[in-house]
Every structure is written in C-alpha cells, then in structure tokens.
Amino acid sequence: MCMRLHRTNIEIDPAKVIKAKQITGLKTTKEVVDFALGRLSASSEALSSLFSLAGKVRFSRGYSYKRYR
C-alpha cells in the first residue's frame, strides 16, 4: 500500500519535544512525532484486540481471582 505523505504545520510544546528526544534517543522532531503516532496506533490496536475477547474467556470451575491477588 503506497501512502502519500501528509505535510502539516503544528505548534508543539518545545519542552515536551526535548523531553521526548531525551527519553527515546531520537534526533529530530519529525522522528519523535512519527514514533508517537506509531505508538498511539499500536496501543489502539492492542486495546481493540483486548476488548474483542470480552465474553469469550471462560474460567475453570472453582477459579477464584481473589485467591491470586
């Protein structure tokens, strides 16, 4: 799938960009934004997968979640 790039101008808090660069080791603001969008997308997909299990998990008879806390 070939996707065209989307060019945009946005204002981003410089302190957040600096902190993100320090945390991730990324060098450019573009890399930080791409990384953050990728993580958001992955998190959303993981959450959707988790919700898709709702009502499908069956526990063994006598299973007590309180016992394993």
N, C-alpha and C. Protein backbone atom coordinates (compact mmCIF):
# COMPACT_ATOMS: atom_id res chain seq x y z
N MET A 1 0.84 -1.18 0.00
CA MET A 1 0.00 0.00 0.00
C MET A 1 0.89 1.24 0.00
N CYS A 2 0.77 2.03 -0.99
CA CYS A 2 1.58 3.25 -1.11
C CYS A 2 0.74 4.43 -0.60
N MET A 3 1.24 5.05 0.45
CA MET A 3 0.51 6.18 1.01
C MET A 3 1.30 7.45 0.78
N ARG A 4 0.60 8.51 0.46
CA ARG A 4 1.24 9.80 0.30
C ARG A 4 1.52 10.40 1.66
N LEU A 5 2.58 11.15 1.74
CA LEU A 5 2.91 11.84 2.98
C LEU A 5 1.94 12.99 3.19
N HIS A 6 1.68 13.28 4.44
CA HIS A 6 0.78 14.38 4.79
C HIS A 6 1.62 15.47 5.45
N ARG A 7 1.78 16.56 4.79
CA ARG A 7 2.57 17.66 5.34
C ARG A 7 1.63 18.60 6.10
N THR A 8 2.06 18.99 7.31
CA THR A 8 1.24 19.89 8.11
C THR A 8 2.14 20.76 8.98
N ASN A 9 1.62 21.86 9.41
CA ASN A 9 2.31 22.74 10.35
C ASN A 9 1.55 22.72 11.66
N ILE A 10 2.23 22.36 12.73
CA ILE A 10 1.59 22.33 14.04
C ILE A 10 2.51 22.97 15.07
N GLU A 11 1.92 23.47 16.13
CA GLU A 11 2.70 24.01 17.23
C GLU A 11 2.80 22.93 18.31
N ILE A 12 4.02 22.61 18.70
CA ILE A 12 4.27 21.59 19.71
C ILE A 12 5.08 22.23 20.82
N ASP A 13 4.74 21.90 22.05
CA ASP A 13 5.46 22.40 23.22
C ASP A 13 6.92 21.96 23.12
N PRO A 14 7.85 22.91 23.00
CA PRO A 14 9.27 22.56 22.85
C PRO A 14 9.82 21.73 24.01
N ALA A 15 9.34 21.99 25.21
CA ALA A 15 9.82 21.23 26.37
C ALA A 15 9.45 19.76 26.24
N LYS A 16 8.25 19.49 25.71
CA LYS A 16 7.82 18.10 25.53
C LYS A 16 8.64 17.41 24.45
N VAL A 17 8.98 18.15 23.41
CA VAL A 17 9.79 17.58 22.33
C VAL A 17 11.19 17.27 22.85
N ILE A 18 11.77 18.18 23.60
CA ILE A 18 13.11 17.95 24.17
C ILE A 18 13.10 16.73 25.08
N LYS A 19 12.09 16.65 25.95
CA LYS A 19 11.98 15.51 26.87
C LYS A 19 11.82 14.21 26.09
N ALA A 20 10.97 14.21 25.06
CA ALA A 20 10.75 13.02 24.24
C ALA A 20 12.03 12.59 23.53
N LYS A 21 12.81 13.55 23.05
CA LYS A 21 14.08 13.23 22.41
C LYS A 21 15.05 12.59 23.40
N GLN A 22 15.08 13.12 24.62
CA GLN A 22 15.96 12.56 25.65
C GLN A 22 15.54 11.13 26.00
N ILE A 23 14.25 10.92 26.14
CA ILE A 23 13.73 9.61 26.53
C ILE A 23 13.98 8.57 25.44
N THR A 24 13.69 8.95 24.20
CA THR A 24 13.75 7.99 23.09
C THR A 24 15.10 7.90 22.41
N GLY A 25 15.91 8.95 22.55
CA GLY A 25 17.18 8.99 21.84
C GLY A 25 17.03 9.39 20.38
N LEU A 26 15.83 9.78 19.99
CA LEU A 26 15.60 10.22 18.62
C LEU A 26 16.19 11.61 18.43
N LYS A 27 16.56 11.93 17.20
CA LYS A 27 17.28 13.17 16.94
C LYS A 27 16.41 14.32 16.47
N THR A 28 15.35 14.03 15.72
CA THR A 28 14.55 15.11 15.13
C THR A 28 13.13 15.10 15.67
N THR A 29 12.50 16.27 15.55
CA THR A 29 11.10 16.39 15.95
C THR A 29 10.22 15.49 15.08
N LYS A 30 10.53 15.39 13.80
CA LYS A 30 9.77 14.52 12.91
C LYS A 30 9.83 13.07 13.38
N GLU A 31 11.02 12.62 13.78
CA GLU A 31 11.16 11.25 14.29
C GLU A 31 10.32 11.04 15.55
N VAL A 32 10.32 12.04 16.43
CA VAL A 32 9.54 11.95 17.66
C VAL A 32 8.05 11.86 17.35
N VAL A 33 7.57 12.70 16.45
CA VAL A 33 6.15 12.70 16.09
C VAL A 33 5.78 11.37 15.43
N ASP A 34 6.61 10.89 14.50
CA ASP A 34 6.35 9.60 13.84
C ASP A 34 6.31 8.47 14.87
N PHE A 35 7.25 8.48 15.80
CA PHE A 35 7.30 7.47 16.86
C PHE A 35 6.03 7.51 17.71
N ALA A 36 5.64 8.71 18.12
CA ALA A 36 4.46 8.87 18.98
C ALA A 36 3.19 8.40 18.26
N LEU A 37 3.05 8.75 17.00
CA LEU A 37 1.87 8.33 16.24
C LEU A 37 1.85 6.82 16.06
N GLY A 38 3.01 6.24 15.84
CA GLY A 38 3.10 4.78 15.73
C GLY A 38 2.72 4.08 17.02
N ARG A 39 3.19 4.61 18.14
CA ARG A 39 2.84 4.03 19.45
C ARG A 39 1.35 4.16 19.74
N LEU A 40 0.76 5.30 19.39
CA LEU A 40 -0.66 5.51 19.59
C LEU A 40 -1.47 4.50 18.78
N SER A 41 -1.07 4.31 17.54
CA SER A 41 -1.75 3.35 16.67
C SER A 41 -1.64 1.94 17.23
N ALA A 42 -0.44 1.54 17.65
CA ALA A 42 -0.22 0.20 18.19
C ALA A 42 -1.02 -0.01 19.48
N SER A 43 -1.05 1.00 20.34
CA SER A 43 -1.80 0.90 21.59
C SER A 43 -3.29 0.74 21.31
N SER A 44 -3.78 1.48 20.35
CA SER A 44 -5.19 1.39 19.99
C SER A 44 -5.54 0.00 19.46
N GLU A 45 -4.66 -0.56 18.62
CA GLU A 45 -4.90 -1.90 18.07
C GLU A 45 -4.86 -2.95 19.18
N ALA A 46 -3.93 -2.81 20.11
CA ALA A 46 -3.82 -3.75 21.23
C ALA A 46 -5.07 -3.68 22.10
N LEU A 47 -5.55 -2.49 22.36
CA LEU A 47 -6.74 -2.32 23.18
C LEU A 47 -7.97 -2.92 22.48
N SER A 48 -8.07 -2.72 21.18
CA SER A 48 -9.18 -3.30 20.41
C SER A 48 -9.14 -4.82 20.48
N SER A 49 -7.93 -5.39 20.38
CA SER A 49 -7.79 -6.84 20.47
C SER A 49 -8.23 -7.34 21.84
N LEU A 50 -7.87 -6.60 22.87
CA LEU A 50 -8.25 -6.99 24.22
C LEU A 50 -9.77 -6.94 24.39
N PHE A 51 -10.39 -5.87 23.91
CA PHE A 51 -11.84 -5.75 24.02
C PHE A 51 -12.57 -6.83 23.21
N SER A 52 -11.94 -7.29 22.15
CA SER A 52 -12.58 -8.33 21.33
C SER A 52 -12.70 -9.65 22.09
N LEU A 53 -11.95 -9.80 23.18
CA LEU A 53 -12.03 -11.01 23.99
C LEU A 53 -13.18 -10.98 25.00
N ALA A 54 -13.81 -9.83 25.13
CA ALA A 54 -14.89 -9.69 26.12
C ALA A 54 -15.96 -10.76 25.92
N GLY A 55 -16.23 -11.48 26.99
CA GLY A 55 -17.26 -12.53 26.97
C GLY A 55 -16.79 -13.84 26.37
N LYS A 56 -15.54 -13.93 25.93
CA LYS A 56 -15.05 -15.14 25.30
C LYS A 56 -14.13 -15.96 26.20
N VAL A 57 -13.69 -15.37 27.30
CA VAL A 57 -12.79 -16.07 28.21
C VAL A 57 -13.62 -16.79 29.26
N ARG A 58 -13.35 -18.08 29.39
CA ARG A 58 -14.06 -18.88 30.40
C ARG A 58 -13.05 -19.35 31.44
N PHE A 59 -13.42 -19.19 32.68
CA PHE A 59 -12.55 -19.61 33.76
C PHE A 59 -12.96 -21.00 34.23
N SER A 60 -12.00 -21.73 34.78
CA SER A 60 -12.27 -23.07 35.29
C SER A 60 -13.23 -22.99 36.47
N ARG A 61 -13.98 -24.04 36.63
CA ARG A 61 -14.88 -24.10 37.80
C ARG A 61 -14.07 -23.98 39.06
N GLY A 62 -14.55 -23.20 39.99
CA GLY A 62 -13.88 -23.04 41.26
C GLY A 62 -12.75 -22.01 41.24
N TYR A 63 -12.50 -21.40 40.09
CA TYR A 63 -11.45 -20.39 40.00
C TYR A 63 -11.84 -19.17 40.82
N SER A 64 -10.90 -18.68 41.63
CA SER A 64 -11.15 -17.50 42.45
C SER A 64 -10.07 -16.46 42.18
N TYR A 65 -10.46 -15.37 41.53
CA TYR A 65 -9.48 -14.33 41.25
C TYR A 65 -8.94 -13.72 42.53
N LYS A 66 -9.74 -13.74 43.60
CA LYS A 66 -9.32 -13.15 44.86
C LYS A 66 -8.13 -13.92 45.46
N ARG A 67 -8.10 -15.22 45.23
CA ARG A 67 -7.05 -16.06 45.78
C ARG A 67 -5.69 -15.71 45.15
N TYR A 68 -5.67 -15.25 43.92
CA TYR A 68 -4.43 -14.99 43.21
C TYR A 68 -4.00 -13.52 43.23
N ARG A 69 -4.65 -12.72 44.04
CA ARG A 69 -4.27 -11.31 44.15
C ARG A 69 -2.95 -11.16 44.83
